[in-house]
Amino acid sequence: MGNILSRWGMSAQRPRFKAYEPDPDQVKVWLRETWPEVQQEAKRRRAQVYFGDESTIRSDYHRGTTWGVRGDTPVVAKTGRRFSVNRLSAVSPKGHLRFMVTESRVTADVFIDFPRRLLHNAKRAIYLIVDGHPIHRAKKVQEFVRTSQGKLTLVWLPPYSPELNPDELVWHHVKSQRIGRTVVATKEQRVALARSVLHSLQHNTQIIKRFFYEEHVRYILN
């Protein structure tokens, strides 16, 4: 069967999972109306636009392969401890990446600390596009936005539409690098490794720009 499928131009691939709940009409409105409006308003105000997201980096996450004798599966020693760290990041169409790695659970207070860092010494206003997670809509967050006096604007993506957020690809990139291939024994090592990989990506603006041109994002940038 594998030979037949190969002759038909098919190959074994890891599927890209997509939520089945999103409303196609809301996605169309976002791409055709909301996103162009955000671009125009940001251009008029000379503001910066970022797409933001959070993810958890677990100690038991591993990927990749290694060589071994056929029929004898290699064994790689790893810690049995369970711990995790959290990454908050944001990318811009200009190829900029800002991030924060924390050992704390992401609450409204922790999330607020991230845009506060974005605004630190920022010379221009910032539009931060995020999903509709309850943390992002919390009263504390809305109050922080209000007290920014227009320097920060939060924009919501359509529900269940992670494929519209280029920052999702930051985590995919990080996982494909040393994060998923390096065995760590402590949370401190995991934090240091995450920061190292993200710092490396931060200096590669071309990769970050490509996140906005992925087939399943298809953003039109002005």
C-alpha atoms as a PDB file:
ATOM      1  CA  MET A   1       0.000   0.000   0.000  1.00  0.00           C
ATOM      2  CA  GLY A   2       2.880   2.344   0.786  1.00  0.00           C
ATOM      3  CA  ASN A   3       4.322   1.866  -2.696  1.00  0.00           C
ATOM      4  CA  ILE A   4       0.946   2.578  -4.287  1.00  0.00           C
ATOM      5  CA  LEU A   5       0.475   5.769  -2.274  1.00  0.00           C
ATOM      6  CA  SER A   6       4.022   6.835  -3.165  1.00  0.00           C
ATOM      7  CA  ARG A   7       3.301   6.417  -6.889  1.00  0.00           C
ATOM      8  CA  TRP A   8       0.282   8.650  -6.399  1.00  0.00           C
ATOM      9  CA  GLY A   9       2.572  11.391  -5.098  1.00  0.00           C
ATOM     10  CA  MET A  10       1.685  10.899  -1.440  1.00  0.00           C
ATOM     11  CA  SER A  11       3.995  10.506   1.560  1.00  0.00           C
ATOM     12  CA  ALA A  12       3.719   9.876   5.303  1.00  0.00           C
ATOM     13  CA  GLN A  13       3.483  13.248   7.027  1.00  0.00           C
ATOM     14  CA  ARG A  14       2.826  14.608  10.474  1.00  0.00           C
ATOM     15  CA  PRO A  15      -0.622  16.264  10.197  1.00  0.00           C
ATOM     16  CA  ARG A  16      -1.247  19.870  11.175  1.00  0.00           C
ATOM     17  CA  PHE A  17      -4.153  19.896  13.591  1.00  0.00           C
ATOM     18  CA  LYS A  18      -6.776  22.589  13.220  1.00  0.00           C
ATOM     19  CA  ALA A  19      -9.733  23.344  15.463  1.00  0.00           C
ATOM     20  CA  TYR A  20     -13.049  22.535  13.875  1.00  0.00           C
ATOM     21  CA  GLU A  21     -14.954  25.167  15.915  1.00  0.00           C
ATOM     22  CA  PRO A  22     -13.929  28.399  14.108  1.00  0.00           C
ATOM     23  CA  ASP A  23     -16.590  30.341  12.265  1.00  0.00           C
ATOM     24  CA  PRO A  24     -15.452  30.720   8.611  1.00  0.00           C
ATOM     25  CA  ASP A  25     -17.367  33.978   8.312  1.00  0.00           C
ATOM     26  CA  GLN A  26     -15.565  35.492  11.307  1.00  0.00           C
ATOM     27  CA  VAL A  27     -12.227  34.423   9.848  1.00  0.00           C
ATOM     28  CA  LYS A  28     -13.102  36.100   6.529  1.00  0.00           C
ATOM     29  CA  VAL A  29     -14.127  39.295   8.321  1.00  0.00           C
ATOM     30  CA  TRP A  30     -10.830  39.284  10.214  1.00  0.00           C
ATOM     31  CA  LEU A  31      -8.698  38.836   7.093  1.00  0.00           C
ATOM     32  CA  ARG A  32     -10.687  41.159   4.809  1.00  0.00           C
ATOM     33  CA  GLU A  33     -11.777  43.889   7.216  1.00  0.00           C
ATOM     34  CA  THR A  34     -10.351  43.811  10.757  1.00  0.00           C
ATOM     35  CA  TRP A  35      -6.702  43.149   9.864  1.00  0.00           C
ATOM     36  CA  PRO A  36      -6.553  45.809   7.104  1.00  0.00           C
ATOM     37  CA  GLU A  37      -8.191  48.297   9.507  1.00  0.00           C
ATOM     38  CA  VAL A  38      -5.591  47.522  12.192  1.00  0.00           C
ATOM     39  CA  GLN A  39      -2.810  48.027   9.641  1.00  0.00           C
ATOM     40  CA  GLN A  40      -4.231  51.337   8.450  1.00  0.00           C
ATOM     41  CA  GLU A  41      -4.812  52.667  11.957  1.00  0.00           C
ATOM     42  CA  ALA A  42      -1.352  51.590  13.095  1.00  0.00           C
ATOM     43  CA  LYS A  43       0.208  53.207  10.030  1.00  0.00           C
ATOM     44  CA  ARG A  44      -1.690  56.430  10.679  1.00  0.00           C
ATOM     45  CA  ARG A  45      -0.518  56.475  14.303  1.00  0.00           C
ATOM     46  CA  ARG A  46       2.974  55.194  13.407  1.00  0.00           C
ATOM     47  CA  ALA A  47       2.370  52.411  15.896  1.00  0.00           C
ATOM     48  CA  GLN A  48       3.940  48.961  16.098  1.00  0.00           C
ATOM     49  CA  VAL A  49       1.884  45.808  15.562  1.00  0.00           C
ATOM     50  CA  TYR A  50       2.605  42.576  17.414  1.00  0.00           C
ATOM     51  CA  PHE A  51       0.909  39.178  17.501  1.00  0.00           C
ATOM     52  CA  GLY A  52       1.224  37.611  20.957  1.00  0.00           C
ATOM     53  CA  ASP A  53       0.748  34.183  22.487  1.00  0.00           C
ATOM     54  CA  GLU A  54       1.750  31.962  25.423  1.00  0.00           C
ATOM     55  CA  SER A  55       2.814  28.331  25.667  1.00  0.00           C
ATOM     56  CA  THR A  56       4.105  25.854  28.227  1.00  0.00           C
ATOM     57  CA  ILE A  57       7.453  24.082  27.916  1.00  0.00           C
ATOM     58  CA  ARG A  58       7.304  20.771  29.795  1.00  0.00           C
ATOM     59  CA  SER A  59      10.225  18.717  31.076  1.00  0.00           C
ATOM     60  CA  ASP A  60       8.833  15.545  29.483  1.00  0.00           C
ATOM     61  CA  TYR A  61       8.591  17.004  25.985  1.00  0.00           C
ATOM     62  CA  HIS A  62      11.020  15.372  23.566  1.00  0.00           C
ATOM     63  CA  ARG A  63      11.201  14.943  19.822  1.00  0.00           C
ATOM     64  CA  GLY A  64      13.654  13.909  17.171  1.00  0.00           C
ATOM     65  CA  THR A  65      15.491  10.691  16.363  1.00  0.00           C
ATOM     66  CA  THR A  66      18.877   9.126  16.993  1.00  0.00           C
ATOM     67  CA  TRP A  67      20.887   6.282  15.478  1.00  0.00           C
ATOM     68  CA  GLY A  68      20.872   2.778  16.854  1.00  0.00           C
ATOM     69  CA  VAL A  69      21.366  -0.852  15.907  1.00  0.00           C
ATOM     70  CA  ARG A  70      18.425  -2.127  13.863  1.00  0.00           C
ATOM     71  CA  GLY A  71      16.021  -3.969  16.132  1.00  0.00           C
ATOM     72  CA  ASP A  72      17.548  -2.470  19.265  1.00  0.00           C
ATOM     73  CA  THR A  73      15.735   0.734  20.241  1.00  0.00           C
ATOM     74  CA  PRO A  74      18.128   3.342  21.680  1.00  0.00           C
ATOM     75  CA  VAL A  75      17.523   4.452  25.266  1.00  0.00           C
ATOM     76  CA  VAL A  76      18.231   8.036  26.290  1.00  0.00           C
ATOM     77  CA  ALA A  77      18.399   8.810  30.001  1.00  0.00           C
ATOM     78  CA  LYS A  78      16.145  11.641  31.145  1.00  0.00           C
ATOM     79  CA  THR A  79      14.851  13.026  34.388  1.00  0.00           C
ATOM     80  CA  GLY A  80      11.672  11.588  35.872  1.00  0.00           C
ATOM     81  CA  ARG A  81      10.844  14.941  37.453  1.00  0.00           C
ATOM     82  CA  ARG A  82       7.861  16.829  36.073  1.00  0.00           C
ATOM     83  CA  PHE A  83       8.156  20.571  35.767  1.00  0.00           C
ATOM     84  CA  SER A  84       7.327  23.249  33.263  1.00  0.00           C
ATOM     85  CA  VAL A  85       8.082  26.855  32.365  1.00  0.00           C
ATOM     86  CA  ASN A  86       5.974  29.289  30.406  1.00  0.00           C
ATOM     87  CA  ARG A  87       6.843  31.412  27.414  1.00  0.00           C
ATOM     88  CA  LEU A  88       5.104  34.645  26.465  1.00  0.00           C
ATOM     89  CA  SER A  89       6.166  36.162  23.173  1.00  0.00           C
ATOM     90  CA  ALA A  90       5.124  38.515  20.418  1.00  0.00           C
ATOM     91  CA  VAL A  91       6.243  38.917  16.811  1.00  0.00           C
ATOM     92  CA  SER A  92       5.857  41.802  14.398  1.00  0.00           C
ATOM     93  CA  PRO A  93       5.661  41.851  10.589  1.00  0.00           C
ATOM     94  CA  LYS A  94       8.953  43.764  10.696  1.00  0.00           C
ATOM     95  CA  GLY A  95      10.696  40.665  12.038  1.00  0.00           C
ATOM     96  CA  HIS A  96      10.891  41.707  15.667  1.00  0.00           C
ATOM     97  CA  LEU A  97      10.521  39.182  18.494  1.00  0.00           C
ATOM     98  CA  ARG A  98       9.944  40.047  22.139  1.00  0.00           C
ATOM     99  CA  PHE A  99       9.633  37.335  24.754  1.00  0.00           C
ATOM    100  CA  MET A 100       9.458  36.551  28.440  1.00  0.00           C
ATOM    101  CA  VAL A 101      10.157  33.188  30.112  1.00  0.00           C
ATOM    102  CA  THR A 102       8.641  32.622  33.547  1.00  0.00           C
ATOM    103  CA  GLU A 103       8.377  29.805  36.026  1.00  0.00           C
ATOM    104  CA  SER A 104       5.056  31.211  37.248  1.00  0.00           C
ATOM    105  CA  ARG A 105       1.653  30.140  36.036  1.00  0.00           C
ATOM    106  CA  VAL A 106       0.332  32.642  33.501  1.00  0.00           C
ATOM    107  CA  THR A 107      -2.302  34.699  35.277  1.00  0.00           C
ATOM    108  CA  ALA A 108      -3.671  38.146  34.467  1.00  0.00           C
ATOM    109  CA  ASP A 109      -0.915  39.723  36.581  1.00  0.00           C
ATOM    110  CA  VAL A 110       1.813  37.735  34.813  1.00  0.00           C
ATOM    111  CA  PHE A 111       0.346  38.557  31.400  1.00  0.00           C
ATOM    112  CA  ILE A 112       0.230  42.272  32.265  1.00  0.00           C
ATOM    113  CA  ASP A 113       3.961  42.162  32.970  1.00  0.00           C
ATOM    114  CA  PHE A 114       4.600  41.219  29.334  1.00  0.00           C
ATOM    115  CA  PRO A 115       2.948  44.241  27.609  1.00  0.00           C
ATOM    116  CA  ARG A 116       4.450  46.387  30.355  1.00  0.00           C
ATOM    117  CA  ARG A 117       7.857  45.259  29.108  1.00  0.00           C
ATOM    118  CA  LEU A 118       6.796  45.898  25.528  1.00  0.00           C
ATOM    119  CA  LEU A 119       5.915  49.461  26.453  1.00  0.00           C
ATOM    120  CA  HIS A 120       9.133  50.088  28.396  1.00  0.00           C
ATOM    121  CA  ASN A 121      11.100  52.766  26.530  1.00  0.00           C
ATOM    122  CA  ALA A 122       8.778  52.282  23.510  1.00  0.00           C
ATOM    123  CA  LYS A 123       8.699  55.424  21.399  1.00  0.00           C
ATOM    124  CA  ARG A 124       5.552  54.395  19.556  1.00  0.00           C
ATOM    125  CA  ALA A 125       2.143  53.012  20.507  1.00  0.00           C
ATOM    126  CA  ILE A 126       1.678  49.251  20.318  1.00  0.00           C
ATOM    127  CA  TYR A 127      -1.155  47.128  18.931  1.00  0.00           C
ATOM    128  CA  LEU A 128      -1.004  43.684  20.523  1.00  0.00           C
ATOM    129  CA  ILE A 129      -3.130  41.047  18.774  1.00  0.00           C
ATOM    130  CA  VAL A 130      -4.047  38.060  20.943  1.00  0.00           C
ATOM    131  CA  ASP A 131      -6.694  35.372  21.171  1.00  0.00           C
ATOM    132  CA  GLY A 132      -9.785  35.672  23.341  1.00  0.00           C
ATOM    133  CA  HIS A 133      -8.430  33.725  26.320  1.00  0.00           C
ATOM    134  CA  PRO A 134     -10.115  34.810  29.606  1.00  0.00           C
ATOM    135  CA  ILE A 135      -6.734  36.012  30.904  1.00  0.00           C
ATOM    136  CA  HIS A 136      -6.463  38.484  28.028  1.00  0.00           C
ATOM    137  CA  ARG A 137      -9.983  39.767  28.721  1.00  0.00           C
ATOM    138  CA  ALA A 138      -9.594  39.981  32.500  1.00  0.00           C
ATOM    139  CA  LYS A 139     -10.643  43.206  34.225  1.00  0.00           C
ATOM    140  CA  LYS A 140      -7.086  43.767  35.459  1.00  0.00           C
ATOM    141  CA  VAL A 141      -5.814  43.596  31.901  1.00  0.00           C
ATOM    142  CA  GLN A 142      -8.470  45.979  30.624  1.00  0.00           C
ATOM    143  CA  GLU A 143      -7.625  48.410  33.413  1.00  0.00           C
ATOM    144  CA  PHE A 144      -3.939  48.227  32.492  1.00  0.00           C
ATOM    145  CA  VAL A 145      -4.790  48.993  28.856  1.00  0.00           C
ATOM    146  CA  ARG A 146      -6.904  51.945  29.983  1.00  0.00           C
ATOM    147  CA  THR A 147      -4.124  53.373  32.139  1.00  0.00           C
ATOM    148  CA  SER A 148      -1.658  53.140  29.241  1.00  0.00           C
ATOM    149  CA  GLN A 149      -3.337  56.265  27.846  1.00  0.00           C
ATOM    150  CA  GLY A 150      -3.532  54.930  24.317  1.00  0.00           C
ATOM    151  CA  LYS A 151      -0.012  53.509  24.197  1.00  0.00           C
ATOM    152  CA  LEU A 152      -1.387  49.936  24.207  1.00  0.00           C
ATOM    153  CA  THR A 153      -4.328  48.577  22.224  1.00  0.00           C
ATOM    154  CA  LEU A 154      -5.422  44.944  22.466  1.00  0.00           C
ATOM    155  CA  VAL A 155      -7.050  43.393  19.400  1.00  0.00           C
ATOM    156  CA  TRP A 156      -8.837  40.040  19.498  1.00  0.00           C
ATOM    157  CA  LEU A 157      -8.449  37.259  16.980  1.00  0.00           C
ATOM    158  CA  PRO A 158     -11.541  35.238  15.972  1.00  0.00           C
ATOM    159  CA  PRO A 159     -12.329  32.356  18.356  1.00  0.00           C
ATOM    160  CA  TYR A 160     -10.557  29.015  17.813  1.00  0.00           C
ATOM    161  CA  SER A 161      -8.267  30.425  15.124  1.00  0.00           C
ATOM    162  CA  PRO A 162      -4.642  29.819  16.194  1.00  0.00           C
ATOM    163  CA  GLU A 163      -3.663  29.499  12.530  1.00  0.00           C
ATOM    164  CA  LEU A 164      -4.250  33.260  12.236  1.00  0.00           C
ATOM    165  CA  ASN A 165      -1.561  33.987  14.831  1.00  0.00           C
ATOM    166  CA  PRO A 166       2.007  33.964  13.434  1.00  0.00           C
ATOM    167  CA  ASP A 167       3.348  33.847  16.985  1.00  0.00           C
ATOM    168  CA  GLU A 168       2.092  30.250  17.179  1.00  0.00           C
ATOM    169  CA  LEU A 169       4.966  29.430  14.823  1.00  0.00           C
ATOM    170  CA  VAL A 170       7.486  30.709  17.368  1.00  0.00           C
ATOM    171  CA  TRP A 171       6.683  27.712  19.559  1.00  0.00           C
ATOM    172  CA  HIS A 172       6.835  25.331  16.588  1.00  0.00           C
ATOM    173  CA  HIS A 173      10.267  26.723  15.720  1.00  0.00           C
ATOM    174  CA  VAL A 174      11.494  26.512  19.304  1.00  0.00           C
ATOM    175  CA  LYS A 175      10.327  22.900  19.609  1.00  0.00           C
ATOM    176  CA  SER A 176      12.184  21.941  16.440  1.00  0.00           C
ATOM    177  CA  GLN A 177      15.406  23.347  17.852  1.00  0.00           C
ATOM    178  CA  ARG A 178      17.247  22.272  21.009  1.00  0.00           C
ATOM    179  CA  ILE A 179      14.159  22.454  23.258  1.00  0.00           C
ATOM    180  CA  GLY A 180      12.841  19.096  22.112  1.00  0.00           C
ATOM    181  CA  ARG A 181      16.226  17.466  21.606  1.00  0.00           C
ATOM    182  CA  THR A 182      18.051  18.331  24.805  1.00  0.00           C
ATOM    183  CA  VAL A 183      17.565  16.449  28.066  1.00  0.00           C
ATOM    184  CA  VAL A 184      17.493  18.745  31.095  1.00  0.00           C
ATOM    185  CA  ALA A 185      17.505  17.795  34.760  1.00  0.00           C
ATOM    186  CA  THR A 186      16.230  20.966  36.444  1.00  0.00           C
ATOM    187  CA  LYS A 187      13.762  23.753  35.864  1.00  0.00           C
ATOM    188  CA  GLU A 188      16.625  26.242  35.875  1.00  0.00           C
ATOM    189  CA  GLN A 189      18.241  24.425  32.947  1.00  0.00           C
ATOM    190  CA  ARG A 190      14.927  24.443  31.072  1.00  0.00           C
ATOM    191  CA  VAL A 191      14.550  28.194  31.604  1.00  0.00           C
ATOM    192  CA  ALA A 192      18.123  28.843  30.451  1.00  0.00           C
ATOM    193  CA  LEU A 193      17.668  26.649  27.374  1.00  0.00           C
ATOM    194  CA  ALA A 194      14.372  28.316  26.415  1.00  0.00           C
ATOM    195  CA  ARG A 195      15.916  31.768  26.719  1.00  0.00           C
ATOM    196  CA  SER A 196      18.948  30.712  24.681  1.00  0.00           C
ATOM    197  CA  VAL A 197      16.828  29.367  21.801  1.00  0.00           C
ATOM    198  CA  LEU A 198      14.535  32.402  21.829  1.00  0.00           C
ATOM    199  CA  HIS A 199      17.492  34.802  21.895  1.00  0.00           C
ATOM    200  CA  SER A 200      18.910  33.011  18.857  1.00  0.00           C
ATOM    201  CA  LEU A 201      15.603  33.351  17.005  1.00  0.00           C
ATOM    202  CA  GLN A 202      15.361  36.980  18.049  1.00  0.00           C
ATOM    203  CA  HIS A 203      18.430  37.774  15.950  1.00  0.00           C
ATOM    204  CA  ASN A 204      17.044  36.057  12.834  1.00  0.00           C
ATOM    205  CA  THR A 205      14.502  38.533  11.501  1.00  0.00           C
ATOM    206  CA  GLN A 206      14.100  36.705   8.190  1.00  0.00           C
ATOM    207  CA  ILE A 207      12.695  33.608   9.887  1.00  0.00           C
ATOM    208  CA  ILE A 208      10.288  35.732  11.918  1.00  0.00           C
ATOM    209  CA  LYS A 209       9.097  37.576   8.807  1.00  0.00           C
ATOM    210  CA  ARG A 210       8.410  34.249   7.113  1.00  0.00           C
ATOM    211  CA  PHE A 211       5.950  33.386   9.883  1.00  0.00           C
ATOM    212  CA  PHE A 212       3.611  35.941   8.311  1.00  0.00           C
ATOM    213  CA  TYR A 213       3.799  34.294   4.904  1.00  0.00           C
ATOM    214  CA  GLU A 214       3.173  30.681   5.925  1.00  0.00           C
ATOM    215  CA  GLU A 215       0.552  28.981   3.773  1.00  0.00           C
ATOM    216  CA  HIS A 216      -1.946  28.716   6.604  1.00  0.00           C
ATOM    217  CA  VAL A 217      -1.498  32.343   7.684  1.00  0.00           C
ATOM    218  CA  ARG A 218      -1.512  34.190   4.344  1.00  0.00           C
ATOM    219  CA  TYR A 219      -1.333  37.703   5.747  1.00  0.00           C
ATOM    220  CA  ILE A 220      -1.197  40.616   3.329  1.00  0.00           C
ATOM    221  CA  LEU A 221       1.281  43.110   4.720  1.00  0.00           C
ATOM    222  CA  ASN A 222       1.304  46.775   3.838  1.00  0.00           C
END
